[in-house]
Amino acid sequence: MEGNGRSTRIWLDLILKKNLKKCVDWSRIDKKDYLSAMRDSVTDPAIIYGLINGALTDDINNREIIMKGIDYSYYYETEE
């Protein structure tokens, strides 16, 4: 929870935008599901792939989606 996840999510969005003309609408991925999938991705990456694939959008120039993505990056890493 030290910030590497935020960097990784931004990096992933940039790669997806460049190569697939898509980005992740992070607001469509539940925090608990995401954190669980990340923990399990070491042995089974299919779950995190499924979550991300289900939240992909081709609305890559929508500033609101980009800003929500940054907000969600902080939300994912806050303790409840």
C-alpha atoms as a PDB file:
ATOM      1  CA  MET A   1       0.000   0.000   0.000  1.00  0.00           C
ATOM      2  CA  GLU A   2       2.968   2.291  -0.573  1.00  0.00           C
ATOM      3  CA  GLY A   3       2.061   3.617  -4.000  1.00  0.00           C
ATOM      4  CA  ASN A   4       3.476   1.069  -6.436  1.00  0.00           C
ATOM      5  CA  GLY A   5      -0.060   0.096  -7.393  1.00  0.00           C
ATOM      6  CA  ARG A   6      -0.884   3.655  -8.420  1.00  0.00           C
ATOM      7  CA  SER A   7       2.201   3.800 -10.626  1.00  0.00           C
ATOM      8  CA  THR A   8       1.382   0.421 -12.140  1.00  0.00           C
ATOM      9  CA  ARG A   9      -2.210   1.404 -12.934  1.00  0.00           C
ATOM     10  CA  ILE A  10      -1.097   4.629 -14.639  1.00  0.00           C
ATOM     11  CA  TRP A  11       1.596   2.723 -16.561  1.00  0.00           C
ATOM     12  CA  LEU A  12      -0.948   0.097 -17.611  1.00  0.00           C
ATOM     13  CA  ASP A  13      -3.366   2.743 -18.865  1.00  0.00           C
ATOM     14  CA  LEU A  14      -0.608   4.387 -20.913  1.00  0.00           C
ATOM     15  CA  ILE A  15       0.394   1.071 -22.497  1.00  0.00           C
ATOM     16  CA  LEU A  16      -3.218   0.138 -23.249  1.00  0.00           C
ATOM     17  CA  LYS A  17      -3.892   3.571 -24.713  1.00  0.00           C
ATOM     18  CA  LYS A  18      -0.832   3.433 -26.958  1.00  0.00           C
ATOM     19  CA  ASN A  19      -1.156  -0.165 -28.131  1.00  0.00           C
ATOM     20  CA  LEU A  20      -4.899  -0.928 -28.028  1.00  0.00           C
ATOM     21  CA  LYS A  21      -6.456   2.552 -28.053  1.00  0.00           C
ATOM     22  CA  LYS A  22      -8.226   1.617 -24.805  1.00  0.00           C
ATOM     23  CA  CYS A  23      -7.911   2.425 -21.117  1.00  0.00           C
ATOM     24  CA  VAL A  24      -9.385   1.036 -17.930  1.00  0.00           C
ATOM     25  CA  ASP A  25     -12.416   2.679 -16.376  1.00  0.00           C
ATOM     26  CA  TRP A  26     -11.255   1.923 -12.852  1.00  0.00           C
ATOM     27  CA  SER A  27     -14.585   3.020 -11.383  1.00  0.00           C
ATOM     28  CA  ARG A  28     -16.065  -0.188 -12.831  1.00  0.00           C
ATOM     29  CA  ILE A  29     -13.790  -2.405 -10.689  1.00  0.00           C
ATOM     30  CA  ASP A  30     -14.816  -2.997  -7.081  1.00  0.00           C
ATOM     31  CA  LYS A  31     -12.049  -2.371  -4.539  1.00  0.00           C
ATOM     32  CA  LYS A  32     -12.421  -5.701  -2.734  1.00  0.00           C
ATOM     33  CA  ASP A  33     -12.542  -7.627  -6.004  1.00  0.00           C
ATOM     34  CA  TYR A  34      -9.481  -5.781  -7.286  1.00  0.00           C
ATOM     35  CA  LEU A  35      -7.381  -6.315  -4.154  1.00  0.00           C
ATOM     36  CA  SER A  36      -8.370  -9.974  -3.980  1.00  0.00           C
ATOM     37  CA  ALA A  37      -7.533 -10.472  -7.660  1.00  0.00           C
ATOM     38  CA  MET A  38      -4.169  -8.762  -7.201  1.00  0.00           C
ATOM     39  CA  ARG A  39      -3.284 -11.058  -4.295  1.00  0.00           C
ATOM     40  CA  ASP A  40      -4.335 -14.118  -6.290  1.00  0.00           C
ATOM     41  CA  SER A  41      -2.696 -12.958  -9.527  1.00  0.00           C
ATOM     42  CA  VAL A  42       0.630 -14.406  -8.426  1.00  0.00           C
ATOM     43  CA  THR A  43      -0.760 -17.889  -9.000  1.00  0.00           C
ATOM     44  CA  ASP A  44      -3.824 -17.173 -11.173  1.00  0.00           C
ATOM     45  CA  PRO A  45      -3.672 -14.030 -13.318  1.00  0.00           C
ATOM     46  CA  ALA A  46      -6.959 -14.874 -15.077  1.00  0.00           C
ATOM     47  CA  ILE A  47      -9.018 -13.143 -12.402  1.00  0.00           C
ATOM     48  CA  ILE A  48      -7.250  -9.776 -12.682  1.00  0.00           C
ATOM     49  CA  TYR A  49      -7.247 -10.054 -16.481  1.00  0.00           C
ATOM     50  CA  GLY A  50     -10.993 -10.603 -16.382  1.00  0.00           C
ATOM     51  CA  LEU A  51     -11.607  -7.603 -14.130  1.00  0.00           C
ATOM     52  CA  ILE A  52      -9.495  -5.314 -16.286  1.00  0.00           C
ATOM     53  CA  ASN A  53     -10.879  -6.645 -19.557  1.00  0.00           C
ATOM     54  CA  GLY A  54     -14.413  -6.057 -18.310  1.00  0.00           C
ATOM     55  CA  ALA A  55     -13.614  -2.425 -17.505  1.00  0.00           C
ATOM     56  CA  LEU A  56     -11.845  -1.480 -20.741  1.00  0.00           C
ATOM     57  CA  THR A  57     -13.174   1.495 -22.666  1.00  0.00           C
ATOM     58  CA  ASP A  58     -12.208   3.075 -25.951  1.00  0.00           C
ATOM     59  CA  ASP A  59     -13.097   6.505 -24.571  1.00  0.00           C
ATOM     60  CA  ILE A  60      -9.384   7.258 -24.116  1.00  0.00           C
ATOM     61  CA  ASN A  61      -9.668  11.030 -24.413  1.00  0.00           C
ATOM     62  CA  ASN A  62     -12.337  11.417 -21.747  1.00  0.00           C
ATOM     63  CA  ARG A  63     -10.729  13.530 -19.037  1.00  0.00           C
ATOM     64  CA  GLU A  64     -13.342  12.445 -16.494  1.00  0.00           C
ATOM     65  CA  ILE A  65     -12.401   8.770 -16.876  1.00  0.00           C
ATOM     66  CA  ILE A  66      -8.723   9.613 -16.526  1.00  0.00           C
ATOM     67  CA  MET A  67      -9.289  11.723 -13.403  1.00  0.00           C
ATOM     68  CA  LYS A  68     -11.602   9.089 -11.882  1.00  0.00           C
ATOM     69  CA  GLY A  69      -8.845   6.558 -12.518  1.00  0.00           C
ATOM     70  CA  ILE A  70      -6.426   8.593 -10.451  1.00  0.00           C
ATOM     71  CA  ASP A  71      -9.006   8.984  -7.669  1.00  0.00           C
ATOM     72  CA  TYR A  72      -9.656   5.242  -7.679  1.00  0.00           C
ATOM     73  CA  SER A  73      -5.942   4.543  -7.507  1.00  0.00           C
ATOM     74  CA  TYR A  74      -5.848   6.312  -4.157  1.00  0.00           C
ATOM     75  CA  TYR A  75      -9.094   4.668  -3.066  1.00  0.00           C
ATOM     76  CA  TYR A  76      -7.746   1.160  -3.760  1.00  0.00           C
ATOM     77  CA  GLU A  77      -4.804   1.829  -1.485  1.00  0.00           C
ATOM     78  CA  THR A  78      -6.643   3.318   1.483  1.00  0.00           C
ATOM     79  CA  GLU A  79      -7.311   1.180   4.507  1.00  0.00           C
ATOM     80  CA  GLU A  80     -10.883   0.840   5.651  1.00  0.00           C
END
